[in-house]
Protein backbone atom coordinates (compact mmCIF):
# COMPACT_ATOMS: atom_id res chain seq x y z
CA MET A 1 -12.91 37.86 15.98
CA ALA A 2 -16.40 37.10 17.21
CA LYS A 3 -19.37 39.34 17.88
CA ARG A 4 -22.04 38.68 20.45
CA TRP A 5 -25.05 40.67 21.61
CA VAL A 6 -25.99 40.51 25.28
CA MET A 7 -28.19 42.31 27.75
CA PHE A 8 -26.77 43.23 31.11
CA THR A 9 -29.30 43.83 33.86
CA PHE A 10 -28.01 45.81 36.81
CA THR A 11 -29.31 45.97 40.41
CA ALA A 12 -28.88 48.73 42.96
CA GLU A 13 -25.69 47.01 44.17
CA THR A 14 -24.08 46.84 40.68
CA ILE A 15 -25.36 49.97 38.91
CA THR A 16 -22.54 52.26 40.16
CA GLU A 17 -19.64 49.95 39.33
CA PRO A 18 -17.67 50.53 36.07
CA ILE A 19 -18.36 47.00 34.86
CA ILE A 20 -18.51 47.72 31.11
CA TYR A 21 -15.29 49.74 31.20
CA ASN A 22 -13.51 47.01 33.18
CA LEU A 23 -14.86 44.32 30.87
CA GLY A 24 -13.22 46.04 27.89
CA GLN A 25 -9.92 46.69 29.72
CA GLN A 26 -9.45 43.32 31.43
CA PHE A 27 -10.65 41.06 28.65
CA LYS A 28 -9.67 42.95 25.48
CA ILE A 29 -13.29 43.18 24.36
CA VAL A 30 -14.69 46.11 22.37
CA THR A 31 -18.02 47.09 23.81
CA ASN A 32 -20.63 48.94 21.81
CA ILE A 33 -23.75 50.12 23.67
CA ARG A 34 -26.76 49.60 21.42
CA GLN A 35 -29.62 50.43 23.79
CA ALA A 36 -29.94 51.28 27.47
CA ASP A 37 -32.42 52.21 30.13
CA LEU A 38 -30.81 53.18 33.44
CA THR A 39 -31.94 54.85 36.61
CA GLU A 40 -30.10 55.59 39.82
CA ASP A 41 -30.81 52.13 41.27
CA ARG A 42 -31.30 49.71 38.36
CA GLY A 43 -31.27 49.32 34.60
CA TRP A 44 -30.36 47.30 31.56
CA ILE A 45 -27.94 47.77 28.69
CA ILE A 46 -27.81 45.91 25.35
CA LEU A 47 -24.20 45.55 24.26
CA GLU A 48 -22.44 44.31 21.19
CA LEU A 49 -19.24 42.56 22.29
CA ASP A 50 -16.43 42.16 19.78
CA GLY A 51 -13.38 40.03 20.56
CA GLU A 52 -11.96 36.54 20.65
CA ASP A 53 -14.45 33.84 21.66
CA GLN A 54 -12.51 32.83 24.76
CA ASP A 55 -12.14 36.45 25.87
CA ILE A 56 -15.89 37.05 25.46
CA GLU A 57 -16.72 33.86 27.41
CA ALA A 58 -14.31 34.75 30.21
CA GLY A 59 -15.60 38.34 30.27
CA ILE A 60 -19.26 37.24 30.52
CA ALA A 61 -18.36 34.82 33.35
CA TRP A 62 -16.62 37.68 35.16
CA VAL A 63 -19.63 40.00 34.72
CA ILE A 64 -21.95 37.34 36.13
CA SER A 65 -19.60 36.88 39.06
CA LYS A 66 -19.99 40.60 39.79
CA GLY A 67 -23.73 40.14 40.24
CA VAL A 68 -24.97 41.35 36.86
CA ARG A 69 -27.52 39.26 35.00
CA VAL A 70 -26.46 38.46 31.45
CA ASP A 71 -28.90 37.31 28.76
CA PRO A 72 -28.28 36.66 25.07
CA VAL A 73 -29.84 39.01 22.51
CA SER A 74 -30.35 38.15 18.89
CA GLY A 75 -29.65 40.51 15.95
CA ASP A 76 -29.99 44.24 15.42
């Protein structure tokens, strides 16, 4: 199992979609929200992703395809 920290940045178009829930369900990734700052029309979330490397990679690619910006985050 691998762990990766990432920041998702949401726009007005993506903020209402259940992207984190679907990420965990579709790609067998455990998501742990570490920090977040959200409003009605935008926001960011720092997540710890836990799963197989290939599942995390596929999940991140899917999130990007949904219009969410994904950036790596280092450490705690």
